[in-house]
Protein backbone atom coordinates (compact mmCIF):
# COMPACT_ATOMS: atom_id res chain seq x y z
CA MET A 1 18.49 31.67 39.25
CA SER A 2 21.58 29.52 37.37
CA ARG A 3 22.03 29.72 33.79
CA ALA A 4 21.81 25.81 33.43
CA ILE A 5 18.15 25.64 35.61
CA GLU A 6 17.12 28.33 33.12
CA HIS A 7 17.75 26.11 30.28
CA LEU A 8 15.22 23.51 31.62
CA PHE A 9 12.74 25.28 31.60
CA ILE A 10 11.01 24.80 28.06
CA GLY A 11 7.38 25.96 27.98
CA GLY A 12 6.84 25.76 31.76
CA LEU A 13 7.82 22.94 31.55
CA ILE A 14 11.27 20.98 33.23
CA ILE A 15 12.29 18.16 31.54
CA MET A 16 13.97 15.85 33.30
CA THR A 17 16.85 13.30 31.37
CA LEU A 18 19.86 13.16 33.70
CA GLY A 19 20.46 8.98 32.93
CA VAL A 20 17.42 8.11 31.16
CA PRO A 21 18.54 6.47 27.45
CA THR A 22 16.76 8.30 24.68
CA ALA A 23 16.01 6.31 21.05
CA THR A 24 17.44 9.45 19.89
CA THR A 25 20.63 8.93 21.63
CA ALA A 26 21.04 5.49 21.01
CA ASN A 27 22.12 3.89 18.24
CA GLU A 28 22.24 0.38 16.73
CA ASN A 29 25.90 0.39 17.16
CA ASP A 30 25.58 1.44 20.82
CA ARG A 31 24.09 -2.63 21.26
CA LYS A 32 26.33 -4.62 18.77
CA LEU A 33 28.89 -7.36 20.53
CA THR A 34 32.63 -6.26 20.00
CA ILE A 35 34.10 -9.29 19.50
CA VAL A 36 38.15 -9.47 19.61
CA ASN A 37 40.65 -12.05 18.65
CA PRO A 38 44.50 -10.31 19.75
CA GLN A 39 46.85 -10.69 16.83
CA ASP A 40 48.94 -12.34 19.64
CA LEU A 41 46.81 -15.49 20.20
CA TYR A 42 45.72 -18.23 17.75
CA ASP A 43 42.46 -17.49 15.91
CA PRO A 44 40.18 -19.50 16.79
CA SER A 45 37.49 -18.35 14.46
CA PRO A 46 38.54 -21.00 12.21
CA ASN A 47 37.13 -23.72 15.20
CA GLY A 48 34.03 -21.70 15.41
CA TYR A 49 34.65 -19.04 18.54
CA SER A 50 35.86 -16.02 19.54
CA THR A 51 38.78 -15.46 22.17
CA ALA A 52 36.47 -12.49 23.93
CA VAL A 53 33.50 -10.39 23.43
CA ILE A 54 32.42 -7.10 24.94
CA THR A 55 29.10 -6.60 25.88
CA PRO A 56 27.74 -3.08 25.49
CA ARG A 57 27.85 -0.96 28.79
CA GLU A 58 24.26 -0.29 29.65
CA ALA A 59 22.86 -4.32 28.17
CA ARG A 60 20.56 -6.25 29.84
CA VAL A 61 22.12 -10.32 29.73
CA ALA A 62 20.30 -13.47 29.71
CA TYR A 63 21.52 -16.85 30.94
CA ILE A 64 20.29 -19.43 29.08
CA SER A 65 20.11 -22.90 30.32
CA GLY A 66 21.90 -25.66 28.78
CA GLN A 67 20.04 -27.17 25.77
CA GLY A 68 19.96 -30.85 24.78
CA GLY A 69 19.52 -32.78 21.34
CA GLN A 70 16.12 -33.59 23.05
CA ASP A 71 12.92 -32.68 20.45
CA SER A 72 9.67 -31.30 21.49
CA THR A 73 8.56 -34.72 23.04
CA GLY A 74 11.79 -35.18 25.05
CA ALA A 75 12.79 -38.11 22.75
CA LEU A 76 16.80 -38.08 22.06
CA SER A 77 18.44 -39.67 18.53
CA PRO A 78 21.62 -41.77 19.76
CA ASP A 79 23.28 -39.83 16.32
CA PHE A 80 26.12 -36.94 17.91
CA ALA A 81 25.43 -35.07 14.87
CA LEU A 82 21.61 -35.06 15.14
CA GLN A 83 21.54 -34.18 19.05
CA VAL A 84 23.82 -31.15 18.10
CA GLU A 85 21.95 -29.80 15.24
CA GLN A 86 18.85 -30.27 17.54
CA ALA A 87 20.47 -28.50 20.55
CA TYR A 88 21.07 -25.17 18.33
CA ALA A 89 17.29 -25.25 16.92
CA ASN A 90 16.50 -25.71 20.82
CA LEU A 91 19.02 -22.34 21.50
CA ARG A 92 17.53 -20.82 18.34
CA THR A 93 13.75 -21.47 19.98
CA ALA A 94 14.93 -20.04 23.03
CA LEU A 95 16.44 -17.08 21.67
CA ASP A 96 13.52 -16.23 19.70
CA ALA A 97 11.40 -16.75 22.72
CA LEU A 98 13.75 -13.48 23.85
CA GLY A 99 13.47 -11.91 21.16
CA ALA A 100 17.32 -12.06 20.37
CA ARG A 101 18.93 -13.26 17.30
CA PRO A 102 22.18 -15.49 17.60
CA ASP A 103 24.37 -12.00 17.25
CA GLN A 104 23.09 -11.46 20.52
CA VAL A 105 25.13 -14.22 21.73
CA ALA A 106 28.29 -13.30 23.95
CA LYS A 107 29.36 -16.74 25.24
CA LEU A 108 28.75 -20.24 24.89
CA THR A 109 29.74 -23.47 27.16
CA VAL A 110 28.96 -26.75 25.39
CA PHE A 111 29.14 -29.98 27.12
CA VAL A 112 30.27 -32.79 25.02
CA VAL A 113 30.17 -36.58 26.14
CA ASP A 114 33.26 -38.60 25.56
CA HIS A 115 34.52 -35.82 23.29
CA ASP A 116 37.45 -36.22 20.39
CA MET A 117 38.31 -34.45 17.09
CA SER A 118 35.45 -35.82 15.06
CA LYS A 119 32.68 -34.48 17.36
CA LEU A 120 34.98 -31.29 17.00
CA GLU A 121 34.47 -31.01 13.03
CA VAL A 122 30.48 -31.67 13.82
CA LEU A 123 30.47 -28.35 16.61
CA THR A 124 32.32 -26.17 14.29
CA LYS A 125 30.18 -26.69 11.36
CA SER A 126 27.07 -26.26 13.67
CA VAL A 127 28.30 -23.10 15.10
CA LYS A 128 29.35 -21.35 12.25
CA GLU A 129 26.02 -22.09 10.51
CA MET A 130 23.80 -20.75 13.41
CA PHE A 131 26.59 -17.72 14.07
CA GLY A 132 28.10 -17.00 11.11
CA GLU A 133 30.81 -14.32 11.30
CA ALA A 134 29.64 -13.16 14.93
CA LEU A 135 31.30 -16.23 16.55
CA PRO A 136 30.80 -16.23 20.41
CA ALA A 137 33.25 -16.73 22.64
CA GLN A 138 33.11 -20.59 24.10
CA THR A 139 34.43 -23.30 25.72
CA LEU A 140 33.94 -26.87 25.21
CA ILE A 141 33.71 -28.99 28.30
CA PRO A 142 34.49 -33.01 27.66
CA VAL A 143 32.28 -34.74 30.23
CA PRO A 144 31.42 -38.63 31.47
CA LYS A 145 27.91 -38.20 31.31
CA LEU A 146 24.91 -35.43 31.00
CA ALA A 147 21.90 -34.91 33.25
CA VAL A 148 19.80 -37.34 30.88
CA ASP A 149 20.80 -41.05 29.90
CA GLY A 150 21.39 -40.93 25.80
CA MET A 151 22.44 -37.12 26.21
CA LEU A 152 25.36 -36.33 23.96
CA PHE A 153 25.54 -33.19 23.95
CA GLU A 154 24.50 -29.81 25.28
CA VAL A 155 24.88 -25.98 25.20
CA GLU A 156 24.44 -22.65 27.10
CA ALA A 157 24.31 -19.54 26.39
CA VAL A 158 24.53 -15.87 27.85
CA ALA A 159 22.98 -13.15 25.48
CA VAL A 160 23.05 -9.58 25.34
CA LEU A 161 19.30 -8.38 24.40
CA ASP A 162 18.17 -5.12 23.08
């Protein structure tokens, strides 16, 4: 019998652990996103996003559909800033339902009707309030219209689950 097989016999039991992560080998750092903002590129963090985010090797990924500014009754405010605030609250509710936190969001895609620089200020403020220093990668797509009349903003997310 080989030495490796002899070591598998413990108290008459064979313990097979190949490929099975255990709580004793995983640590919190194994599940964290790595934010990358290369020095040779423009620093996007003042604008509320990161250049790239690396997910952990063994991560489960959740794709969250676009969240608009509708409240729980489906009502939309005509105010862009209020819609953005509500959309991020809706995203937070979706993350909570998954058992996830904002710092587990790797990527956002935001859609803005009739985008201009005043709207960018609102977006930057909102994303920094929700994500703090853990700014996800993000793409903003200006659009002429969204799915529902009166909808001015939508945010979709990719989150990495524990």
